[in-house]
C-alpha atoms as a PDB file:
ATOM      1  CA  MET A   1     -14.881  25.819  18.415  1.00  0.00           C
ATOM      2  CA  LYS A   2     -16.321  23.220  15.984  1.00  0.00           C
ATOM      3  CA  ASP A   3     -18.182  19.609  17.470  1.00  0.00           C
ATOM      4  CA  LEU A   4     -16.853  16.969  15.842  1.00  0.00           C
ATOM      5  CA  ARG A   5     -18.981  13.716  15.664  1.00  0.00           C
ATOM      6  CA  ILE A   6     -16.793  11.586  13.486  1.00  0.00           C
ATOM      7  CA  VAL A   7     -17.331   8.627  11.355  1.00  0.00           C
ATOM      8  CA  PHE A   8     -14.170   6.561  10.701  1.00  0.00           C
ATOM      9  CA  MET A   9     -13.895   4.676   7.372  1.00  0.00           C
ATOM     10  CA  GLY A  10     -11.556   2.070   6.659  1.00  0.00           C
ATOM     11  CA  THR A  11     -10.849  -1.668   6.488  1.00  0.00           C
ATOM     12  CA  PRO A  12      -7.112  -2.787   6.650  1.00  0.00           C
ATOM     13  CA  ASP A  13      -3.949  -2.418   9.367  1.00  0.00           C
ATOM     14  CA  PHE A  14      -3.025   0.868   7.756  1.00  0.00           C
ATOM     15  CA  ALA A  15      -5.929   2.307   8.658  1.00  0.00           C
ATOM     16  CA  VAL A  16      -5.853   0.754  12.572  1.00  0.00           C
ATOM     17  CA  GLU A  17      -3.096   3.136  13.385  1.00  0.00           C
ATOM     18  CA  THR A  18      -5.095   6.474  12.251  1.00  0.00           C
ATOM     19  CA  LEU A  19      -8.532   5.287  14.406  1.00  0.00           C
ATOM     20  CA  LYS A  20      -5.941   4.402  17.320  1.00  0.00           C
ATOM     21  CA  VAL A  21      -4.475   7.854  17.072  1.00  0.00           C
ATOM     22  CA  ILE A  22      -7.948   9.756  16.697  1.00  0.00           C
ATOM     23  CA  LEU A  23      -9.136   8.013  19.931  1.00  0.00           C
ATOM     24  CA  GLU A  24      -6.265   8.525  21.957  1.00  0.00           C
ATOM     25  CA  ASN A  25      -6.296  12.184  21.549  1.00  0.00           C
ATOM     26  CA  GLN A  26     -10.475  12.274  23.007  1.00  0.00           C
ATOM     27  CA  TYR A  27     -11.993  12.597  19.520  1.00  0.00           C
ATOM     28  CA  ASN A  28     -15.717  12.021  19.782  1.00  0.00           C
ATOM     29  CA  VAL A  29     -15.755   8.883  17.237  1.00  0.00           C
ATOM     30  CA  VAL A  30     -19.630   8.299  16.687  1.00  0.00           C
ATOM     31  CA  GLY A  31     -19.419   4.979  14.267  1.00  0.00           C
ATOM     32  CA  VAL A  32     -16.823   3.047  12.247  1.00  0.00           C
ATOM     33  CA  ILE A  33     -17.292   1.697   8.958  1.00  0.00           C
ATOM     34  CA  THR A  34     -15.623  -0.977   7.615  1.00  0.00           C
ATOM     35  CA  ALA A  35     -15.702  -4.120   4.753  1.00  0.00           C
ATOM     36  CA  PRO A  36     -17.785  -6.864   5.432  1.00  0.00           C
ATOM     37  CA  ASP A  37     -16.115 -10.303   7.054  1.00  0.00           C
ATOM     38  CA  ARG A  38     -14.290 -11.973   4.209  1.00  0.00           C
ATOM     39  CA  PRO A  39     -13.646 -15.843   3.782  1.00  0.00           C
ATOM     40  CA  ALA A  40      -9.891 -16.678   4.846  1.00  0.00           C
ATOM     41  CA  GLY A  41      -7.233 -19.406   5.639  1.00  0.00           C
ATOM     42  CA  ARG A  42      -8.122 -22.920   4.877  1.00  0.00           C
ATOM     43  CA  GLY A  43     -10.916 -23.255   6.664  1.00  0.00           C
ATOM     44  CA  ARG A  44     -12.274 -20.123   4.898  1.00  0.00           C
ATOM     45  CA  LYS A  45     -13.866 -18.966   7.906  1.00  0.00           C
ATOM     46  CA  LEU A  46     -14.939 -15.147   7.967  1.00  0.00           C
ATOM     47  CA  LYS A  47     -12.760 -13.079   9.523  1.00  0.00           C
ATOM     48  CA  ALA A  48     -13.157  -9.580  10.243  1.00  0.00           C
ATOM     49  CA  SER A  49     -10.988  -6.344   8.701  1.00  0.00           C
ATOM     50  CA  ALA A  50      -8.170  -5.195  11.041  1.00  0.00           C
ATOM     51  CA  VAL A  51     -10.172  -2.075  11.183  1.00  0.00           C
ATOM     52  CA  LYS A  52     -13.564  -3.411  12.894  1.00  0.00           C
ATOM     53  CA  GLU A  53     -11.373  -6.027  15.154  1.00  0.00           C
ATOM     54  CA  TYR A  54     -10.020  -2.608  16.902  1.00  0.00           C
ATOM     55  CA  ALA A  55     -13.379  -1.056  16.493  1.00  0.00           C
ATOM     56  CA  LEU A  56     -15.147  -4.397  18.691  1.00  0.00           C
ATOM     57  CA  SER A  57     -12.180  -4.107  21.440  1.00  0.00           C
ATOM     58  CA  LYS A  58     -12.896  -0.213  21.892  1.00  0.00           C
ATOM     59  CA  GLY A  59     -16.486  -0.294  21.601  1.00  0.00           C
ATOM     60  CA  LEU A  60     -17.490   1.066  18.588  1.00  0.00           C
ATOM     61  CA  LYS A  61     -20.682   1.595  16.658  1.00  0.00           C
ATOM     62  CA  ILE A  62     -19.838  -0.739  13.424  1.00  0.00           C
ATOM     63  CA  LEU A  63     -21.499  -0.612  10.127  1.00  0.00           C
ATOM     64  CA  GLN A  64     -20.470  -2.948   7.391  1.00  0.00           C
ATOM     65  CA  PRO A  65     -22.307  -2.077   4.300  1.00  0.00           C
ATOM     66  CA  THR A  66     -21.946  -4.668   0.956  1.00  0.00           C
ATOM     67  CA  ASN A  67     -23.687  -1.513  -0.798  1.00  0.00           C
ATOM     68  CA  LEU A  68     -23.053   2.094   0.184  1.00  0.00           C
ATOM     69  CA  LYS A  69     -25.966   3.780  -1.582  1.00  0.00           C
ATOM     70  CA  ASN A  70     -28.037   1.070   0.225  1.00  0.00           C
ATOM     71  CA  GLU A  71     -31.212   2.787   1.912  1.00  0.00           C
ATOM     72  CA  LYS A  72     -30.870   0.920   5.063  1.00  0.00           C
ATOM     73  CA  PHE A  73     -27.090   2.207   5.394  1.00  0.00           C
ATOM     74  CA  ILE A  74     -27.831   5.490   4.811  1.00  0.00           C
ATOM     75  CA  GLU A  75     -30.158   5.487   7.586  1.00  0.00           C
ATOM     76  CA  GLU A  76     -27.966   4.099   9.748  1.00  0.00           C
ATOM     77  CA  LEU A  77     -25.018   6.487   9.031  1.00  0.00           C
ATOM     78  CA  LYS A  78     -27.496   9.433   9.301  1.00  0.00           C
ATOM     79  CA  ALA A  79     -28.530   8.035  12.835  1.00  0.00           C
ATOM     80  CA  LEU A  80     -25.387   8.385  13.774  1.00  0.00           C
ATOM     81  CA  GLU A  81     -25.742  12.624  13.124  1.00  0.00           C
ATOM     82  CA  PRO A  82     -22.122  12.840  11.831  1.00  0.00           C
ATOM     83  CA  THR A  83     -20.701  15.829  11.050  1.00  0.00           C
ATOM     84  CA  LEU A  84     -17.256  14.609   9.669  1.00  0.00           C
ATOM     85  CA  ASN A  85     -16.152  11.427   8.147  1.00  0.00           C
ATOM     86  CA  VAL A  86     -12.658  10.240   7.862  1.00  0.00           C
ATOM     87  CA  VAL A  87     -11.372   7.863   5.476  1.00  0.00           C
ATOM     88  CA  VAL A  88      -8.232   5.880   5.706  1.00  0.00           C
ATOM     89  CA  ALA A  89      -7.799   2.925   3.128  1.00  0.00           C
ATOM     90  CA  PHE A  90     -11.413   2.003   2.233  1.00  0.00           C
ATOM     91  CA  ARG A  91     -12.944   2.750  -1.107  1.00  0.00           C
ATOM     92  CA  MET A  92     -14.756   4.658  -3.416  1.00  0.00           C
ATOM     93  CA  LEU A  93     -17.611   6.799  -1.717  1.00  0.00           C
ATOM     94  CA  PRO A  94     -20.917   8.183  -3.343  1.00  0.00           C
ATOM     95  CA  LYS A  95     -22.036  11.492  -2.880  1.00  0.00           C
ATOM     96  CA  ILE A  96     -24.510  10.580  -0.470  1.00  0.00           C
ATOM     97  CA  VAL A  97     -22.229   9.337   1.532  1.00  0.00           C
ATOM     98  CA  TRP A  98     -19.162  11.774   1.227  1.00  0.00           C
ATOM     99  CA  GLY A  99     -21.890  14.723   0.998  1.00  0.00           C
ATOM    100  CA  LEU A 100     -23.756  13.885   4.547  1.00  0.00           C
ATOM    101  CA  PRO A 101     -21.238  15.434   7.191  1.00  0.00           C
ATOM    102  CA  ALA A 102     -21.505  19.164   7.849  1.00  0.00           C
ATOM    103  CA  TYR A 103     -17.771  19.576   7.196  1.00  0.00           C
ATOM    104  CA  GLY A 104     -17.500  16.986   4.695  1.00  0.00           C
ATOM    105  CA  THR A 105     -15.821  13.869   4.869  1.00  0.00           C
ATOM    106  CA  PHE A 106     -11.827  13.774   4.221  1.00  0.00           C
ATOM    107  CA  ASN A 107      -9.269  11.001   3.242  1.00  0.00           C
ATOM    108  CA  LEU A 108      -5.689  10.472   4.224  1.00  0.00           C
ATOM    109  CA  HIS A 109      -3.670   9.657   1.136  1.00  0.00           C
ATOM    110  CA  ALA A 110      -0.196   7.551   1.069  1.00  0.00           C
ATOM    111  CA  SER A 111       1.782   9.815  -1.100  1.00  0.00           C
ATOM    112  CA  LEU A 112       2.018  13.521  -1.901  1.00  0.00           C
ATOM    113  CA  LEU A 113      -0.610  14.550  -4.420  1.00  0.00           C
ATOM    114  CA  PRO A 114      -1.294  14.646  -6.919  1.00  0.00           C
ATOM    115  CA  ASP A 115       1.538  12.357  -7.705  1.00  0.00           C
ATOM    116  CA  TYR A 116       0.711   8.406  -6.948  1.00  0.00           C
ATOM    117  CA  ARG A 117      -3.534   8.937  -7.053  1.00  0.00           C
ATOM    118  CA  GLY A 118      -4.516   4.967  -6.910  1.00  0.00           C
ATOM    119  CA  ALA A 119      -4.743   2.217  -5.600  1.00  0.00           C
ATOM    120  CA  ALA A 120      -0.629   1.483  -4.868  1.00  0.00           C
ATOM    121  CA  PRO A 121       0.564   4.751  -4.032  1.00  0.00           C
ATOM    122  CA  ILE A 122       3.802   2.892  -1.231  1.00  0.00           C
ATOM    123  CA  ASN A 123       4.278   0.720  -4.242  1.00  0.00           C
ATOM    124  CA  TRP A 124       5.187   2.822  -7.115  1.00  0.00           C
ATOM    125  CA  ALA A 125       6.881   5.403  -5.125  1.00  0.00           C
ATOM    126  CA  ILE A 126       9.615   2.979  -4.599  1.00  0.00           C
ATOM    127  CA  ILE A 127       9.411   1.166  -8.449  1.00  0.00           C
ATOM    128  CA  ASN A 128       9.932   4.754  -9.776  1.00  0.00           C
ATOM    129  CA  GLY A 129      13.052   4.969  -7.511  1.00  0.00           C
ATOM    130  CA  GLU A 130      11.600   8.344  -5.938  1.00  0.00           C
ATOM    131  CA  LYS A 131      13.445   9.157  -2.995  1.00  0.00           C
ATOM    132  CA  GLU A 132      11.226  10.682  -1.501  1.00  0.00           C
ATOM    133  CA  THR A 133       6.707  10.398  -0.836  1.00  0.00           C
ATOM    134  CA  GLY A 134       4.442  11.394   2.110  1.00  0.00           C
ATOM    135  CA  VAL A 135       0.818  11.345   3.349  1.00  0.00           C
ATOM    136  CA  THR A 136      -1.865  13.592   2.230  1.00  0.00           C
ATOM    137  CA  THR A 137      -4.940  14.743   3.960  1.00  0.00           C
ATOM    138  CA  PHE A 138      -8.097  15.896   1.278  1.00  0.00           C
ATOM    139  CA  PHE A 139     -11.400  16.432   1.014  1.00  0.00           C
ATOM    140  CA  ILE A 140     -13.196  13.706  -0.921  1.00  0.00           C
ATOM    141  CA  ASP A 141     -15.049  14.504  -4.200  1.00  0.00           C
ATOM    142  CA  GLU A 142     -16.552  13.195  -7.159  1.00  0.00           C
ATOM    143  CA  LYS A 143     -13.446  12.265  -8.379  1.00  0.00           C
ATOM    144  CA  ILE A 144     -10.552   9.619  -7.395  1.00  0.00           C
ATOM    145  CA  ASP A 145      -7.741  11.420  -5.136  1.00  0.00           C
ATOM    146  CA  THR A 146      -8.492  14.947  -6.866  1.00  0.00           C
ATOM    147  CA  GLY A 147      -9.895  16.852  -4.026  1.00  0.00           C
ATOM    148  CA  HIS A 148      -8.430  20.158  -1.998  1.00  0.00           C
ATOM    149  CA  ILE A 149      -5.235  19.231  -0.229  1.00  0.00           C
ATOM    150  CA  ILE A 150      -5.491  20.034   3.961  1.00  0.00           C
ATOM    151  CA  LEU A 151      -1.961  19.165   4.932  1.00  0.00           C
ATOM    152  CA  GLN A 152       1.077  17.051   3.683  1.00  0.00           C
ATOM    153  CA  GLU A 153       4.342  15.729   5.200  1.00  0.00           C
ATOM    154  CA  LYS A 154       7.036  14.486   3.357  1.00  0.00           C
ATOM    155  CA  VAL A 155       8.708  11.082   4.194  1.00  0.00           C
ATOM    156  CA  THR A 156      12.036  10.041   2.915  1.00  0.00           C
ATOM    157  CA  ILE A 157      12.279   6.893   1.192  1.00  0.00           C
ATOM    158  CA  GLY A 158      15.864   4.979   2.174  1.00  0.00           C
ATOM    159  CA  LYS A 159      17.981   3.225  -0.968  1.00  0.00           C
ATOM    160  CA  ASN A 160      16.950  -0.221   0.518  1.00  0.00           C
ATOM    161  CA  ASP A 161      13.533   0.688   2.119  1.00  0.00           C
ATOM    162  CA  ASN A 162      10.516  -1.968   0.820  1.00  0.00           C
ATOM    163  CA  ALA A 163       7.329  -1.123   0.622  1.00  0.00           C
ATOM    164  CA  GLY A 164       6.398  -3.076   3.775  1.00  0.00           C
ATOM    165  CA  HIS A 165       8.982  -0.322   5.692  1.00  0.00           C
ATOM    166  CA  LEU A 166       7.751   2.530   3.786  1.00  0.00           C
ATOM    167  CA  HIS A 167       4.290   1.279   4.747  1.00  0.00           C
ATOM    168  CA  ASP A 168       4.742   1.040   8.640  1.00  0.00           C
ATOM    169  CA  VAL A 169       6.191   4.655   7.981  1.00  0.00           C
ATOM    170  CA  LEU A 170       3.232   6.015   6.594  1.00  0.00           C
ATOM    171  CA  MET A 171       0.844   4.855   8.757  1.00  0.00           C
ATOM    172  CA  LYS A 172       2.673   6.903  11.433  1.00  0.00           C
ATOM    173  CA  GLU A 173       2.643   9.960   9.783  1.00  0.00           C
ATOM    174  CA  GLY A 174      -0.005   9.460   8.521  1.00  0.00           C
ATOM    175  CA  ALA A 175      -1.709   8.942  11.411  1.00  0.00           C
ATOM    176  CA  GLN A 176      -0.355  12.280  13.166  1.00  0.00           C
ATOM    177  CA  LEU A 177      -1.477  14.183  10.263  1.00  0.00           C
ATOM    178  CA  VAL A 178      -4.833  13.074  10.127  1.00  0.00           C
ATOM    179  CA  VAL A 179      -5.212  14.438  13.639  1.00  0.00           C
ATOM    180  CA  GLN A 180      -3.800  17.490  12.712  1.00  0.00           C
ATOM    181  CA  THR A 181      -6.203  18.215  10.331  1.00  0.00           C
ATOM    182  CA  LEU A 182      -8.899  17.593  12.523  1.00  0.00           C
ATOM    183  CA  GLU A 183      -7.491  20.185  15.076  1.00  0.00           C
ATOM    184  CA  ARG A 184      -7.353  22.534  12.200  1.00  0.00           C
ATOM    185  CA  ILE A 185     -11.298  21.213  11.324  1.00  0.00           C
ATOM    186  CA  LYS A 186     -12.613  21.912  15.264  1.00  0.00           C
ATOM    187  CA  ASN A 187     -10.706  25.049  15.309  1.00  0.00           C
ATOM    188  CA  ASP A 188     -12.087  26.464  12.120  1.00  0.00           C
ATOM    189  CA  ASP A 189      -8.177  27.388  11.049  1.00  0.00           C
ATOM    190  CA  LEU A 190      -8.189  25.572   7.066  1.00  0.00           C
ATOM    191  CA  VAL A 191      -6.346  27.010   4.524  1.00  0.00           C
ATOM    192  CA  VAL A 192      -7.249  24.667   1.468  1.00  0.00           C
ATOM    193  CA  LEU A 193      -5.149  23.958  -2.087  1.00  0.00           C
ATOM    194  CA  PRO A 194      -7.035  22.942  -5.149  1.00  0.00           C
ATOM    195  CA  GLN A 195      -5.130  20.100  -6.900  1.00  0.00           C
ATOM    196  CA  SER A 196      -3.643  20.871 -10.301  1.00  0.00           C
ATOM    197  CA  LYS A 197      -6.144  19.790 -13.140  1.00  0.00           C
ATOM    198  CA  GLU A 198      -3.281  18.826 -15.772  1.00  0.00           C
ATOM    199  CA  ASP A 199      -2.427  15.701 -16.623  1.00  0.00           C
ATOM    200  CA  THR A 200       1.131  14.882 -15.744  1.00  0.00           C
ATOM    201  CA  PHE A 201       1.574  13.696 -12.418  1.00  0.00           C
ATOM    202  CA  LYS A 202       2.449  10.483 -11.253  1.00  0.00           C
ATOM    203  CA  THR A 203       0.079   7.509 -11.016  1.00  0.00           C
ATOM    204  CA  ALA A 204      -0.283   4.605  -9.113  1.00  0.00           C
ATOM    205  CA  PRO A 205      -2.311   1.722 -10.320  1.00  0.00           C
ATOM    206  CA  LYS A 206      -3.728  -1.329  -9.340  1.00  0.00           C
ATOM    207  CA  LEU A 207      -0.741  -3.578  -9.217  1.00  0.00           C
ATOM    208  CA  ASN A 208      -1.145  -6.799 -11.190  1.00  0.00           C
ATOM    209  CA  ARG A 209       0.285 -10.038 -13.057  1.00  0.00           C
ATOM    210  CA  ASP A 210       2.110  -7.932 -16.016  1.00  0.00           C
ATOM    211  CA  ASN A 211       3.207  -5.153 -13.668  1.00  0.00           C
ATOM    212  CA  THR A 212       5.049  -7.443 -10.864  1.00  0.00           C
ATOM    213  CA  LYS A 213       6.930  -9.273 -13.545  1.00  0.00           C
ATOM    214  CA  ILE A 214      10.833  -8.888 -13.520  1.00  0.00           C
ATOM    215  CA  ASP A 215      12.304  -7.685 -16.993  1.00  0.00           C
ATOM    216  CA  TRP A 216      15.729  -8.662 -16.671  1.00  0.00           C
ATOM    217  CA  ASN A 217      16.775  -6.276 -20.426  1.00  0.00           C
ATOM    218  CA  GLN A 218      15.771  -3.598 -17.674  1.00  0.00           C
ATOM    219  CA  LYS A 219      18.571  -1.494 -16.160  1.00  0.00           C
ATOM    220  CA  LEU A 220      19.665  -2.956 -12.309  1.00  0.00           C
ATOM    221  CA  SER A 221      18.698  -0.618 -10.220  1.00  0.00           C
ATOM    222  CA  THR A 222      15.078  -0.699 -12.345  1.00  0.00           C
ATOM    223  CA  ILE A 223      14.560  -4.452 -11.309  1.00  0.00           C
ATOM    224  CA  HIS A 224      15.760  -3.727  -7.475  1.00  0.00           C
ATOM    225  CA  ASN A 225      13.320  -0.714  -7.491  1.00  0.00           C
ATOM    226  CA  LEU A 226      10.678  -3.366  -8.628  1.00  0.00           C
ATOM    227  CA  ILE A 227      11.319  -6.055  -6.216  1.00  0.00           C
ATOM    228  CA  ARG A 228      11.585  -3.315  -3.715  1.00  0.00           C
ATOM    229  CA  GLY A 229       8.284  -2.229  -4.689  1.00  0.00           C
ATOM    230  CA  LEU A 230       6.586  -5.372  -4.262  1.00  0.00           C
ATOM    231  CA  SER A 231       7.957  -6.751  -0.725  1.00  0.00           C
ATOM    232  CA  PRO A 232       6.443  -8.064   1.209  1.00  0.00           C
ATOM    233  CA  TYR A 233       3.473  -7.936  -1.061  1.00  0.00           C
ATOM    234  CA  PRO A 234       2.221  -8.793  -3.407  1.00  0.00           C
ATOM    235  CA  GLY A 235       6.016  -9.863  -5.002  1.00  0.00           C
ATOM    236  CA  ALA A 236       7.949  -9.862  -7.927  1.00  0.00           C
ATOM    237  CA  TRP A 237       7.711 -12.723 -10.199  1.00  0.00           C
ATOM    238  CA  SER A 238       9.868 -14.291 -12.475  1.00  0.00           C
ATOM    239  CA  GLU A 239       9.878 -17.098 -15.103  1.00  0.00           C
ATOM    240  CA  MET A 240      12.461 -19.489 -13.893  1.00  0.00           C
ATOM    241  CA  CYS A 241      13.977 -21.948 -16.761  1.00  0.00           C
ATOM    242  CA  ASN A 242      15.858 -24.904 -14.954  1.00  0.00           C
ATOM    243  CA  ASN A 243      16.805 -28.781 -16.427  1.00  0.00           C
ATOM    244  CA  GLY A 244      13.964 -28.244 -19.217  1.00  0.00           C
ATOM    245  CA  THR A 245      11.335 -27.148 -16.965  1.00  0.00           C
ATOM    246  CA  SER A 246       9.535 -23.460 -16.343  1.00  0.00           C
ATOM    247  CA  GLN A 247       8.173 -22.305 -13.013  1.00  0.00           C
ATOM    248  CA  ALA A 248       7.238 -18.978 -11.918  1.00  0.00           C
ATOM    249  CA  VAL A 249       9.350 -17.256  -8.857  1.00  0.00           C
ATOM    250  CA  LYS A 250       8.924 -14.679  -6.238  1.00  0.00           C
ATOM    251  CA  ILE A 251      12.356 -12.185  -5.338  1.00  0.00           C
ATOM    252  CA  TYR A 252      11.228 -10.264  -1.974  1.00  0.00           C
ATOM    253  CA  GLU A 253      15.416  -9.214  -0.979  1.00  0.00           C
ATOM    254  CA  ALA A 254      18.113  -8.750  -3.621  1.00  0.00           C
ATOM    255  CA  THR A 255      21.001  -6.575  -4.161  1.00  0.00           C
ATOM    256  CA  PRO A 256      23.089  -4.966  -7.163  1.00  0.00           C
ATOM    257  CA  LEU A 257      26.188  -6.080  -7.633  1.00  0.00           C
ATOM    258  CA  TYR A 258      27.389  -3.435 -10.713  1.00  0.00           C
ATOM    259  CA  GLU A 259      30.055  -5.942 -12.692  1.00  0.00           C
ATOM    260  CA  THR A 260      30.826  -5.698 -16.162  1.00  0.00           C
ATOM    261  CA  HIS A 261      30.640  -9.581 -17.289  1.00  0.00           C
ATOM    262  CA  THR A 262      29.448 -11.724 -20.586  1.00  0.00           C
ATOM    263  CA  PHE A 263      26.906 -13.455 -19.432  1.00  0.00           C
ATOM    264  CA  ASP A 264      23.352 -13.729 -21.570  1.00  0.00           C
ATOM    265  CA  THR A 265      20.599 -11.261 -19.210  1.00  0.00           C
ATOM    266  CA  GLY A 266      18.976 -13.813 -16.738  1.00  0.00           C
ATOM    267  CA  LYS A 267      21.499 -16.046 -16.926  1.00  0.00           C
ATOM    268  CA  ILE A 268      21.906 -17.742 -13.212  1.00  0.00           C
ATOM    269  CA  ILE A 269      25.350 -17.783 -11.563  1.00  0.00           C
ATOM    270  CA  ILE A 270      25.743 -19.898  -8.326  1.00  0.00           C
ATOM    271  CA  GLU A 271      29.169 -18.866  -6.360  1.00  0.00           C
ATOM    272  CA  ASN A 272      30.260 -18.870  -2.513  1.00  0.00           C
ATOM    273  CA  SER A 273      26.394 -20.166  -1.821  1.00  0.00           C
ATOM    274  CA  VAL A 274      25.218 -16.780  -3.421  1.00  0.00           C
ATOM    275  CA  ILE A 275      22.217 -16.822  -6.498  1.00  0.00           C
ATOM    276  CA  LYS A 276      22.986 -14.471  -8.902  1.00  0.00           C
ATOM    277  CA  VAL A 277      20.914 -13.159 -12.140  1.00  0.00           C
ATOM    278  CA  ALA A 278      22.649 -11.696 -15.070  1.00  0.00           C
ATOM    279  CA  THR A 279      21.616  -8.145 -16.033  1.00  0.00           C
ATOM    280  CA  ALA A 280      22.751  -5.611 -18.674  1.00  0.00           C
ATOM    281  CA  ASP A 281      24.795  -3.831 -16.302  1.00  0.00           C
ATOM    282  CA  GLY A 282      25.770  -6.116 -13.601  1.00  0.00           C
ATOM    283  CA  PHE A 283      24.654  -8.613 -11.282  1.00  0.00           C
ATOM    284  CA  LEU A 284      21.407  -8.979  -8.845  1.00  0.00           C
ATOM    285  CA  ASN A 285      22.179 -11.140  -5.854  1.00  0.00           C
ATOM    286  CA  VAL A 286      18.952 -13.046  -4.583  1.00  0.00           C
ATOM    287  CA  LYS A 287      18.915 -13.222  -0.908  1.00  0.00           C
ATOM    288  CA  LYS A 288      15.005 -14.235  -0.547  1.00  0.00           C
ATOM    289  CA  ILE A 289      13.160 -16.313  -3.012  1.00  0.00           C
ATOM    290  CA  GLN A 290       9.761 -18.441  -2.944  1.00  0.00           C
ATOM    291  CA  LEU A 291       8.998 -21.467  -5.619  1.00  0.00           C
ATOM    292  CA  PRO A 292       5.899 -22.070  -6.247  1.00  0.00           C
ATOM    293  CA  GLY A 293       3.889 -24.406  -3.138  1.00  0.00           C
ATOM    294  CA  LYS A 294       6.727 -23.327  -0.662  1.00  0.00           C
ATOM    295  CA  LYS A 295       7.086 -20.569   1.771  1.00  0.00           C
ATOM    296  CA  ALA A 296       9.841 -17.896   0.997  1.00  0.00           C
ATOM    297  CA  MET A 297      13.563 -18.790   2.192  1.00  0.00           C
ATOM    298  CA  GLU A 298      17.135 -17.361   2.438  1.00  0.00           C
ATOM    299  CA  SER A 299      19.044 -17.923  -1.086  1.00  0.00           C
ATOM    300  CA  LYS A 300      21.058 -19.992   0.811  1.00  0.00           C
ATOM    301  CA  ALA A 301      18.616 -22.510   2.389  1.00  0.00           C
ATOM    302  CA  LEU A 302      17.192 -23.042  -0.829  1.00  0.00           C
ATOM    303  CA  LEU A 303      20.663 -24.051  -2.044  1.00  0.00           C
ATOM    304  CA  ASN A 304      20.559 -26.659   0.734  1.00  0.00           C
ATOM    305  CA  GLY A 305      17.907 -28.672  -0.946  1.00  0.00           C
ATOM    306  CA  TYR A 306      17.981 -27.084  -4.678  1.00  0.00           C
ATOM    307  CA  THR A 307      19.902 -27.779  -7.732  1.00  0.00           C
ATOM    308  CA  PHE A 308      20.538 -25.581  -9.801  1.00  0.00           C
ATOM    309  CA  PHE A 309      21.889 -26.861 -13.271  1.00  0.00           C
ATOM    310  CA  SER A 310      23.505 -25.235 -16.482  1.00  0.00           C
ATOM    311  CA  ASP A 311      20.662 -24.063 -17.927  1.00  0.00           C
ATOM    312  CA  ALA A 312      19.550 -22.140 -15.056  1.00  0.00           C
ATOM    313  CA  LYS A 313      17.890 -18.737 -16.245  1.00  0.00           C
ATOM    314  CA  MET A 314      15.152 -16.439 -15.609  1.00  0.00           C
ATOM    315  CA  LYS A 315      13.254 -15.013 -18.435  1.00  0.00           C
END
């Protein structure tokens, strides 16, 4: 049986659940590496990462390097005498870090690798209309998300699930998969699977202004999937023209209505306190929308104080 001295690396809420479950299962976490505190909010006060806040509450040793190759940081890391690194939602590691522990460094990724390698696997699985996704643990190597697979767990995606819901499901499934992986490593019971070197897998690139914009000429199902896949963050957006002015709006929740009609694509129709947008094969019933500088609100609430004119259109 191997002696595991774990250094945990992670930053957001997604990683906190895994750290929590590792500790609950009595594993020895000798240190936590997380992002430096960053300015946040209107006052721009420094804010600790979710992982740091949790680690502090448990009295764990915390390191917050800005440069992962910094000599002082490497010496501090070596002083912890880790035998295993566990990485969840962190950044790319240099070999001097991932190659340090005797039992290696493994990562939890929120997809069924090799599909959806990259920065936004949860979002892209929904955007692309997948019916299932999952979580994977794998050993880190020189490239991003390409190392030998240790374990995987499949998760069903419901037809109305959004990225926020799927995030929470995968967060909990992933934490359990990490503990199963630790058990395998501790008991020297590992069978790893090399990833295929073919380049035909779906990817999960960073989300940006271009790939989060709604194209109203797409099929209704494609538009609906984009909105689900970007809710609650960062939000699918569109240019909305109304009474001769144009502004960028975000749509966080909608339902598809498959009906034939003769309206131009993008035309906004207000009907019985409902905002509908015409698409090629029906209407999108907009349920939650955000105007610039405002909070997201239910469409019915928006209609109480906002007027859509006859030229109203999404572009």
